[in-house]
Each structure stands twice: as structure tokens, then as C-alpha cells.
């Protein structure tokens, strides 16, 4: 099963009820084909960015569903057969990448992020604990002295030219 997004633009000559019924007929057809439905949005009549035939507006519906790739051809055929559907856009939704923490092996090293493409691994790996070390002001000043070669007090007293 793959996840798909389908955007339909329906003819503006239809009444809102007829356009909604047309979308519901498509949804029931997709279910008959074995699709598992996700979000369904009917956005109503919207102006189009460019003309489709003589139409400058159309009803927009967005449907998310999962179906096997072999059955997608039947859905494309259904869309082509219905004249009230002006345009359609069928997109394959990419698998979502989920970041999870993986425990590091060394002492004092931070845990690193591992990217996982499976949908079931949204939980944090067991035993991975994020540790934060706080540094005191003296330690920071000492590091700056090492890097800059001068003390912080001397650097603050020097006028900027």
C-alpha cells in the first residue's frame, strides 16, 4: 500500500451540493477499489490561477488515501471518465522521516540522531538519555584566554580603535 494525495478541480457550473456529491462518489469508488481513506477536504469554489477551457474558477477537493499501486490505474480511469472533473493531481506521498536518539558507546559523548524512514519508529530508543553539561564562568574565561592569548579582563580594558 502506498500513500497518495489527490487534488480535484470540479466544474464551476455545478451547484455546491452536486460538486460535493461528485467528490463523495469518487470517495466511495476509491473505497470499493480497496483504498483506506485519510483526510478529506472540500474547499469550495476557488478562483483558478489560469483558465481551464473557459473556466476561471472551480470547486477544489483534496483527498488523502492509501491504496496498492496496481489499483491506481482504475482510479485514474475513473477520473478521466467524469466530465465534471476538470483537472486532477495525484501525488505519491513520501515516507516520513522520523528522527530518534541512539545511545552513544563512548563515555561523555553526546547521543547522536539517526534518521529512520519507517513509520513505526516514532518512539525514542530505550536508554538514550540526553545529558547537558553546564560550564562555569571561570571555565569559559580560561578557555577564552587559551584561544585568544590574553586575559578577558585585559581585553575588556583595551579601548577599541
N, C-alpha and C. Protein backbone atom coordinates (compact mmCIF):
# COMPACT_ATOMS: atom_id res chain seq x y z
N UNK A 1 0.85 -1.18 0.00
CA UNK A 1 0.00 0.00 0.00
C UNK A 1 0.89 1.24 0.00
N UNK A 2 0.51 2.20 -0.81
CA UNK A 2 1.20 3.48 -0.87
C UNK A 2 0.24 4.58 -0.47
N UNK A 3 0.80 5.67 0.02
CA UNK A 3 0.00 6.83 0.41
C UNK A 3 -0.04 7.82 -0.75
N UNK A 4 -1.22 8.35 -1.02
CA UNK A 4 -1.41 9.29 -2.12
C UNK A 4 -2.17 10.51 -1.65
N UNK A 5 -1.93 11.64 -2.33
CA UNK A 5 -2.71 12.87 -2.20
C UNK A 5 -3.35 13.11 -3.56
N UNK A 6 -4.64 13.35 -3.57
CA UNK A 6 -5.33 13.64 -4.82
C UNK A 6 -6.05 14.98 -4.69
N UNK A 7 -5.77 15.88 -5.61
CA UNK A 7 -6.45 17.17 -5.67
C UNK A 7 -7.33 17.16 -6.91
N UNK A 8 -8.60 17.46 -6.72
CA UNK A 8 -9.56 17.51 -7.83
C UNK A 8 -10.06 18.93 -7.99
N UNK A 9 -10.19 19.38 -9.24
CA UNK A 9 -10.85 20.64 -9.55
C UNK A 9 -12.07 20.29 -10.37
N UNK A 10 -13.23 20.65 -9.83
CA UNK A 10 -14.51 20.32 -10.48
C UNK A 10 -15.09 21.55 -11.16
N UNK A 11 -15.96 21.32 -12.13
CA UNK A 11 -16.55 22.38 -12.94
C UNK A 11 -17.33 23.37 -12.07
N UNK A 12 -17.18 24.68 -12.34
CA UNK A 12 -17.89 25.68 -11.54
C UNK A 12 -19.38 25.77 -11.87
N UNK A 13 -19.82 25.14 -12.96
CA UNK A 13 -21.23 25.17 -13.32
C UNK A 13 -22.08 24.33 -12.37
N UNK A 14 -21.45 23.43 -11.65
CA UNK A 14 -22.17 22.59 -10.69
C UNK A 14 -22.60 23.42 -9.49
N UNK A 15 -23.69 23.00 -8.87
CA UNK A 15 -24.03 23.60 -7.58
C UNK A 15 -23.12 22.97 -6.53
N UNK A 16 -23.01 23.61 -5.40
CA UNK A 16 -22.11 23.11 -4.36
C UNK A 16 -22.50 21.70 -3.93
N UNK A 17 -23.80 21.42 -3.84
CA UNK A 17 -24.24 20.08 -3.44
C UNK A 17 -23.84 19.04 -4.48
N UNK A 18 -23.98 19.40 -5.77
CA UNK A 18 -23.60 18.47 -6.84
C UNK A 18 -22.09 18.20 -6.83
N UNK A 19 -21.30 19.24 -6.60
CA UNK A 19 -19.85 19.06 -6.54
C UNK A 19 -19.47 18.19 -5.35
N UNK A 20 -20.11 18.41 -4.22
CA UNK A 20 -19.85 17.59 -3.04
C UNK A 20 -20.26 16.14 -3.28
N UNK A 21 -21.40 15.94 -3.95
CA UNK A 21 -21.84 14.58 -4.29
C UNK A 21 -20.85 13.88 -5.23
N UNK A 22 -20.31 14.64 -6.18
CA UNK A 22 -19.34 14.07 -7.10
C UNK A 22 -18.08 13.62 -6.36
N UNK A 23 -17.65 14.40 -5.38
CA UNK A 23 -16.49 14.02 -4.57
C UNK A 23 -16.82 12.78 -3.75
N UNK A 24 -18.02 12.72 -3.19
CA UNK A 24 -18.42 11.56 -2.38
C UNK A 24 -18.50 10.30 -3.24
N UNK A 25 -18.94 10.44 -4.50
CA UNK A 25 -18.96 9.29 -5.40
C UNK A 25 -17.55 8.78 -5.66
N UNK A 26 -16.61 9.72 -5.84
CA UNK A 26 -15.22 9.31 -6.03
C UNK A 26 -14.70 8.58 -4.79
N UNK A 27 -15.00 9.11 -3.62
CA UNK A 27 -14.54 8.51 -2.37
C UNK A 27 -15.09 7.10 -2.22
N UNK A 28 -16.37 6.91 -2.53
CA UNK A 28 -16.95 5.56 -2.42
C UNK A 28 -16.34 4.62 -3.47
N UNK A 29 -16.04 5.14 -4.67
CA UNK A 29 -15.38 4.31 -5.68
C UNK A 29 -14.00 3.89 -5.20
N UNK A 30 -13.26 4.83 -4.62
CA UNK A 30 -11.91 4.51 -4.12
C UNK A 30 -11.98 3.47 -3.02
N UNK A 31 -12.99 3.56 -2.16
CA UNK A 31 -13.15 2.56 -1.10
C UNK A 31 -13.48 1.20 -1.69
N UNK A 32 -14.30 1.18 -2.74
CA UNK A 32 -14.62 -0.09 -3.41
C UNK A 32 -13.38 -0.72 -4.03
N UNK A 33 -12.42 0.11 -4.44
CA UNK A 33 -11.17 -0.39 -5.01
C UNK A 33 -10.19 -0.86 -3.94
N UNK A 34 -10.53 -0.64 -2.67
CA UNK A 34 -9.67 -1.09 -1.57
C UNK A 34 -8.86 0.00 -0.92
N UNK A 35 -9.20 1.25 -1.18
CA UNK A 35 -8.45 2.37 -0.60
C UNK A 35 -8.83 2.56 0.86
N UNK A 36 -7.84 2.95 1.64
CA UNK A 36 -8.06 3.34 3.03
C UNK A 36 -7.96 4.85 3.07
N UNK A 37 -9.05 5.50 3.45
CA UNK A 37 -9.12 6.96 3.36
C UNK A 37 -8.47 7.64 4.55
N UNK A 38 -7.87 8.80 4.27
CA UNK A 38 -7.30 9.67 5.29
C UNK A 38 -8.13 10.94 5.36
N UNK A 39 -7.48 12.08 5.35
CA UNK A 39 -8.17 13.37 5.42
C UNK A 39 -8.90 13.64 4.11
N UNK A 40 -10.10 14.19 4.23
CA UNK A 40 -10.89 14.61 3.09
C UNK A 40 -11.25 16.08 3.30
N UNK A 41 -10.93 16.93 2.32
CA UNK A 41 -11.23 18.35 2.44
C UNK A 41 -11.95 18.81 1.18
N UNK A 42 -13.07 19.49 1.38
CA UNK A 42 -13.78 20.12 0.28
C UNK A 42 -13.65 21.61 0.51
N UNK A 43 -12.85 22.29 -0.32
CA UNK A 43 -12.53 23.69 -0.08
C UNK A 43 -13.52 24.66 -0.71
N UNK A 44 -14.47 24.16 -1.47
CA UNK A 44 -15.46 25.03 -2.09
C UNK A 44 -14.97 25.62 -3.40
N UNK A 45 -15.68 26.65 -3.87
CA UNK A 45 -15.35 27.28 -5.15
C UNK A 45 -14.19 28.25 -4.94
N UNK A 46 -13.16 28.08 -5.76
CA UNK A 46 -11.96 28.91 -5.66
C UNK A 46 -11.60 29.45 -7.04
N UNK A 47 -11.02 30.65 -7.10
CA UNK A 47 -10.54 31.16 -8.39
C UNK A 47 -9.29 30.39 -8.83
N UNK A 48 -9.19 30.15 -10.12
CA UNK A 48 -8.04 29.43 -10.67
C UNK A 48 -6.96 30.42 -11.10
N UNK A 49 -5.71 30.02 -11.04
CA UNK A 49 -4.62 30.89 -11.45
C UNK A 49 -4.59 31.07 -12.97
N UNK A 50 -5.03 30.06 -13.68
CA UNK A 50 -5.11 30.13 -15.13
C UNK A 50 -6.41 29.49 -15.59
N UNK A 51 -6.83 29.79 -16.80
CA UNK A 51 -8.08 29.23 -17.30
C UNK A 51 -7.92 27.75 -17.60
N UNK A 52 -8.98 27.01 -17.34
CA UNK A 52 -9.10 25.62 -17.78
C UNK A 52 -10.28 25.63 -18.74
N UNK A 53 -9.98 25.60 -20.03
CA UNK A 53 -11.04 25.79 -21.02
C UNK A 53 -11.53 27.23 -20.92
N UNK A 54 -12.80 27.41 -20.61
CA UNK A 54 -13.36 28.76 -20.41
C UNK A 54 -13.57 29.06 -18.93
N UNK A 55 -13.18 28.17 -18.08
CA UNK A 55 -13.44 28.31 -16.65
C UNK A 55 -12.31 29.06 -15.95
N UNK A 56 -12.70 30.03 -15.13
CA UNK A 56 -11.73 30.79 -14.35
C UNK A 56 -11.81 30.45 -12.86
N UNK A 57 -12.76 29.59 -12.50
CA UNK A 57 -12.88 29.13 -11.12
C UNK A 57 -13.38 27.69 -11.12
N UNK A 58 -13.27 27.05 -9.98
CA UNK A 58 -13.70 25.67 -9.87
C UNK A 58 -13.76 25.23 -8.42
N UNK A 59 -14.47 24.14 -8.18
CA UNK A 59 -14.54 23.57 -6.83
C UNK A 59 -13.29 22.73 -6.59
N UNK A 60 -12.68 22.90 -5.43
CA UNK A 60 -11.44 22.20 -5.11
C UNK A 60 -11.70 21.21 -3.99
N UNK A 61 -11.24 19.98 -4.19
CA UNK A 61 -11.35 18.93 -3.17
C UNK A 61 -10.00 18.23 -3.07
N UNK A 62 -9.60 17.94 -1.83
CA UNK A 62 -8.33 17.26 -1.58
C UNK A 62 -8.63 15.99 -0.81
N UNK A 63 -8.05 14.90 -1.25
CA UNK A 63 -8.30 13.61 -0.63
C UNK A 63 -6.97 12.88 -0.40
N UNK A 64 -6.79 12.35 0.80
CA UNK A 64 -5.61 11.54 1.11
C UNK A 64 -6.09 10.11 1.30
N UNK A 65 -5.36 9.17 0.70
CA UNK A 65 -5.74 7.76 0.85
C UNK A 65 -4.54 6.86 0.61
N UNK A 66 -4.68 5.62 1.03
CA UNK A 66 -3.67 4.59 0.79
C UNK A 66 -4.30 3.50 -0.06
N UNK A 67 -3.57 3.05 -1.07
CA UNK A 67 -4.07 2.02 -1.96
C UNK A 67 -2.87 1.32 -2.59
N UNK A 68 -3.08 0.11 -3.04
CA UNK A 68 -1.98 -0.60 -3.70
C UNK A 68 -1.73 0.04 -5.07
N UNK A 69 -0.48 0.09 -5.51
CA UNK A 69 -0.15 0.74 -6.78
C UNK A 69 -0.83 0.12 -8.00
N UNK A 70 -1.19 -1.16 -7.92
CA UNK A 70 -1.85 -1.80 -9.06
C UNK A 70 -3.25 -1.23 -9.29
N UNK A 71 -3.89 -0.74 -8.24
CA UNK A 71 -5.27 -0.26 -8.36
C UNK A 71 -5.35 1.22 -8.73
N UNK A 72 -4.23 1.90 -8.78
CA UNK A 72 -4.25 3.34 -9.05
C UNK A 72 -4.68 3.63 -10.49
N UNK A 73 -4.44 2.68 -11.38
CA UNK A 73 -4.85 2.84 -12.77
C UNK A 73 -6.38 2.94 -12.89
N UNK A 74 -7.09 2.17 -12.07
CA UNK A 74 -8.55 2.24 -12.06
C UNK A 74 -9.05 3.59 -11.58
N UNK A 75 -8.36 4.17 -10.63
CA UNK A 75 -8.74 5.49 -10.13
C UNK A 75 -8.50 6.54 -11.20
N UNK A 76 -7.37 6.45 -11.91
CA UNK A 76 -7.08 7.40 -12.99
C UNK A 76 -8.13 7.29 -14.09
N UNK A 77 -8.56 6.08 -14.40
CA UNK A 77 -9.58 5.87 -15.42
C UNK A 77 -10.91 6.48 -14.98
N UNK A 78 -11.26 6.32 -13.70
CA UNK A 78 -12.50 6.90 -13.17
C UNK A 78 -12.47 8.42 -13.32
N UNK A 79 -11.34 9.03 -13.01
CA UNK A 79 -11.23 10.49 -13.09
C UNK A 79 -11.38 10.96 -14.54
N UNK A 80 -10.79 10.25 -15.49
CA UNK A 80 -10.87 10.64 -16.91
C UNK A 80 -12.29 10.51 -17.45
N UNK A 81 -13.06 9.54 -16.94
CA UNK A 81 -14.41 9.29 -17.45
C UNK A 81 -15.42 10.35 -17.01
N UNK A 82 -15.15 11.06 -15.94
CA UNK A 82 -16.12 12.02 -15.41
C UNK A 82 -15.81 13.42 -15.93
N UNK A 83 -16.75 13.97 -16.70
CA UNK A 83 -16.56 15.26 -17.34
C UNK A 83 -16.61 16.42 -16.35
N UNK A 84 -17.23 16.22 -15.18
CA UNK A 84 -17.31 17.32 -14.22
C UNK A 84 -15.99 17.54 -13.48
N UNK A 85 -15.02 16.64 -13.64
CA UNK A 85 -13.69 16.83 -13.06
C UNK A 85 -12.82 17.48 -14.14
N UNK A 86 -12.48 18.77 -13.94
CA UNK A 86 -11.69 19.49 -14.93
C UNK A 86 -10.22 19.09 -14.89
N UNK A 87 -9.66 19.03 -13.71
CA UNK A 87 -8.25 18.68 -13.54
C UNK A 87 -8.08 17.83 -12.30
N UNK A 88 -7.01 17.06 -12.31
CA UNK A 88 -6.67 16.27 -11.12
C UNK A 88 -5.15 16.23 -10.99
N UNK A 89 -4.70 16.09 -9.77
CA UNK A 89 -3.28 15.95 -9.49
C UNK A 89 -3.13 14.85 -8.46
N UNK A 90 -2.50 13.76 -8.87
CA UNK A 90 -2.28 12.62 -8.00
C UNK A 90 -0.81 12.57 -7.64
N UNK A 91 -0.51 12.68 -6.36
CA UNK A 91 0.88 12.67 -5.91
C UNK A 91 1.10 11.53 -4.93
N UNK A 92 2.26 10.90 -5.05
CA UNK A 92 2.66 9.88 -4.08
C UNK A 92 3.27 10.62 -2.90
N UNK A 93 2.74 10.35 -1.71
CA UNK A 93 3.29 10.98 -0.52
C UNK A 93 4.57 10.25 -0.11
N UNK A 94 5.64 10.98 0.14
CA UNK A 94 6.88 10.32 0.57
C UNK A 94 6.74 9.79 1.98
N UNK A 95 7.54 8.76 2.28
CA UNK A 95 7.56 8.25 3.64
C UNK A 95 8.14 9.33 4.54
N UNK A 96 7.56 9.47 5.71
CA UNK A 96 8.03 10.50 6.63
C UNK A 96 9.27 10.01 7.36
N UNK A 97 10.25 10.87 7.42
CA UNK A 97 11.46 10.53 8.16
C UNK A 97 11.26 10.93 9.61
N UNK A 98 11.61 10.01 10.49
CA UNK A 98 11.45 10.23 11.91
C UNK A 98 12.83 10.19 12.54
N UNK A 99 13.17 11.23 13.28
CA UNK A 99 14.47 11.26 13.95
C UNK A 99 14.31 10.66 15.34
N UNK A 100 15.25 9.82 15.71
CA UNK A 100 15.23 9.24 17.05
C UNK A 100 16.64 9.22 17.59
N UNK A 101 16.76 9.23 18.89
CA UNK A 101 18.07 9.25 19.54
C UNK A 101 18.61 7.83 19.66
N UNK A 102 19.91 7.69 19.40
CA UNK A 102 20.60 6.42 19.54
C UNK A 102 21.69 6.62 20.57
N UNK A 103 21.77 5.73 21.53
CA UNK A 103 22.73 5.87 22.61
C UNK A 103 24.15 5.70 22.07
N UNK A 104 25.04 6.61 22.49
CA UNK A 104 26.42 6.51 22.04
C UNK A 104 27.17 5.49 22.88
N UNK A 105 28.29 5.01 22.36
CA UNK A 105 29.06 3.98 23.05
C UNK A 105 30.11 4.56 23.98
N UNK A 106 30.62 5.74 23.68
CA UNK A 106 31.69 6.33 24.47
C UNK A 106 31.17 7.07 25.68
N UNK A 107 32.06 7.22 26.69
CA UNK A 107 31.69 7.93 27.91
C UNK A 107 31.76 9.43 27.64
N UNK A 108 30.73 10.13 28.08
CA UNK A 108 30.71 11.58 27.96
C UNK A 108 30.37 12.10 26.58
N UNK A 109 30.20 11.23 25.61
CA UNK A 109 29.86 11.68 24.27
C UNK A 109 28.35 11.86 24.18
N UNK A 110 27.97 12.83 23.41
CA UNK A 110 26.54 13.09 23.24
C UNK A 110 25.92 12.01 22.38
N UNK A 111 24.63 11.79 22.61
CA UNK A 111 23.93 10.85 21.75
C UNK A 111 23.72 11.51 20.39
N UNK A 112 23.68 10.72 19.35
CA UNK A 112 23.54 11.26 18.01
C UNK A 112 22.16 10.93 17.48
N UNK A 113 21.74 11.70 16.47
CA UNK A 113 20.45 11.47 15.85
C UNK A 113 20.60 10.51 14.70
N UNK A 114 19.66 9.62 14.59
CA UNK A 114 19.63 8.68 13.47
C UNK A 114 18.31 8.88 12.75
N UNK A 115 18.34 8.99 11.43
CA UNK A 115 17.13 9.18 10.65
C UNK A 115 16.60 7.83 10.24
N UNK A 116 15.30 7.66 10.44
CA UNK A 116 14.67 6.39 10.13
C UNK A 116 13.46 6.68 9.26
N UNK A 117 13.25 5.89 8.21
CA UNK A 117 12.14 6.15 7.30
C UNK A 117 10.90 5.33 7.62
N UNK A 118 10.99 4.42 8.56
CA UNK A 118 9.81 3.62 8.86
C UNK A 118 8.84 4.44 9.70
N UNK A 119 7.57 4.17 9.54
CA UNK A 119 6.53 4.94 10.22
C UNK A 119 6.33 4.47 11.65
N UNK A 120 6.81 3.30 12.00
CA UNK A 120 6.55 2.74 13.31
C UNK A 120 7.60 3.14 14.35
N UNK A 121 8.67 3.76 13.95
CA UNK A 121 9.75 4.06 14.89
C UNK A 121 9.70 5.49 15.38
N UNK A 122 8.57 5.92 15.85
CA UNK A 122 8.44 7.29 16.33
C UNK A 122 8.78 7.41 17.81
N UNK A 123 9.08 6.31 18.47
CA UNK A 123 9.42 6.36 19.88
C UNK A 123 10.92 6.54 20.03
N UNK A 124 11.31 7.11 21.16
CA UNK A 124 12.72 7.32 21.45
C UNK A 124 13.34 5.99 21.84
N UNK A 125 14.56 5.74 21.39
CA UNK A 125 15.24 4.49 21.71
C UNK A 125 15.40 4.37 23.22
N UNK A 126 15.19 3.16 23.74
CA UNK A 126 15.27 2.94 25.17
C UNK A 126 16.69 3.18 25.66
N UNK A 127 16.79 3.81 26.82
CA UNK A 127 18.09 4.02 27.45
C UNK A 127 18.82 5.25 26.96
N UNK A 128 18.36 5.89 25.92
CA UNK A 128 19.04 7.08 25.42
C UNK A 128 18.65 8.26 26.29
N UNK A 129 19.63 8.86 26.91
CA UNK A 129 19.37 9.98 27.81
C UNK A 129 20.19 11.16 27.33
N UNK A 130 19.54 12.30 27.24
CA UNK A 130 20.24 13.50 26.82
C UNK A 130 20.87 14.14 28.05
N UNK A 131 22.18 14.33 28.01
CA UNK A 131 22.87 14.95 29.14
C UNK A 131 23.36 16.32 28.72
N UNK A 132 23.18 17.28 29.61
CA UNK A 132 23.63 18.63 29.36
C UNK A 132 24.65 18.99 30.43
N UNK A 133 25.83 19.43 30.00
CA UNK A 133 26.85 19.86 30.93
C UNK A 133 26.86 21.38 30.93
N UNK A 134 26.87 21.97 32.13
CA UNK A 134 26.94 23.42 32.23
C UNK A 134 28.35 23.81 32.63
N UNK A 135 28.84 24.84 32.00
CA UNK A 135 30.18 25.32 32.29
C UNK A 135 30.09 26.59 33.12
N UNK A 136 31.00 26.71 34.07
CA UNK A 136 31.02 27.91 34.90
C UNK A 136 31.69 29.05 34.13
N UNK A 137 31.52 30.24 34.65
CA UNK A 137 32.10 31.42 34.01
C UNK A 137 33.62 31.36 34.02
N UNK A 138 34.18 30.83 35.10
CA UNK A 138 35.64 30.73 35.18
C UNK A 138 36.19 29.80 34.09
N UNK A 139 35.51 28.68 33.86
CA UNK A 139 35.96 27.75 32.84
C UNK A 139 35.91 28.38 31.45
N UNK A 140 34.87 29.15 31.21
CA UNK A 140 34.73 29.82 29.91
C UNK A 140 35.83 30.86 29.73
N UNK A 141 36.11 31.64 30.81
CA UNK A 141 37.18 32.63 30.74
C UNK A 141 38.53 31.97 30.48
N UNK A 142 38.79 30.84 31.12
CA UNK A 142 40.05 30.13 30.95
C UNK A 142 40.21 29.66 29.50
N UNK A 143 39.14 29.14 28.91
CA UNK A 143 39.18 28.69 27.52
C UNK A 143 39.44 29.86 26.58
N UNK A 144 38.79 31.00 26.86
CA UNK A 144 39.00 32.19 26.02
C UNK A 144 40.44 32.66 26.10
N UNK A 145 41.02 32.63 27.30
CA UNK A 145 42.42 33.02 27.46
C UNK A 145 43.33 32.12 26.63
N UNK A 146 43.04 30.83 26.65
CA UNK A 146 43.85 29.90 25.87
C UNK A 146 43.74 30.19 24.38
N UNK A 147 42.55 30.49 23.92
CA UNK A 147 42.33 30.72 22.50
C UNK A 147 42.87 32.07 22.04
N UNK A 148 42.63 33.11 22.84
CA UNK A 148 43.00 34.46 22.43
C UNK A 148 44.41 34.85 22.85
N UNK A 149 44.93 34.21 23.86
CA UNK A 149 46.27 34.52 24.33
C UNK A 149 46.31 35.69 25.30
N UNK A 150 45.19 36.30 25.60
CA UNK A 150 45.12 37.39 26.58
C UNK A 150 44.01 37.09 27.56
N UNK A 151 44.08 37.73 28.70
CA UNK A 151 43.02 37.52 29.68
C UNK A 151 41.80 38.33 29.27
N UNK A 152 40.66 37.92 29.75
CA UNK A 152 39.40 38.58 29.42
C UNK A 152 39.38 39.98 30.00
N UNK A 153 39.95 40.18 31.22
CA UNK A 153 39.97 41.50 31.85
C UNK A 153 40.80 42.48 31.03
N UNK A 154 41.95 42.02 30.52
CA UNK A 154 42.81 42.88 29.71
C UNK A 154 42.12 43.25 28.41
N UNK A 155 41.39 42.32 27.82
CA UNK A 155 40.69 42.59 26.57
C UNK A 155 39.57 43.59 26.78
N UNK A 156 38.92 43.56 27.95
CA UNK A 156 37.83 44.49 28.21
C UNK A 156 38.36 45.89 28.49
N UNK A 157 39.58 46.01 29.05
CA UNK A 157 40.15 47.31 29.39
C UNK A 157 40.72 48.02 28.17
N UNK A 158 41.11 47.29 27.13
CA UNK A 158 41.70 47.90 25.94
C UNK A 158 40.65 48.71 25.20
N UNK A 159 40.96 49.95 24.83
CA UNK A 159 40.00 50.72 24.03
C UNK A 159 39.99 50.21 22.58
N UNK A 160 38.85 50.28 21.99
CA UNK A 160 38.69 49.85 20.60
C UNK A 160 39.11 50.99 19.69
N UNK A 161 39.96 50.71 18.73
CA UNK A 161 40.46 51.77 17.83
C UNK A 161 39.81 51.68 16.49
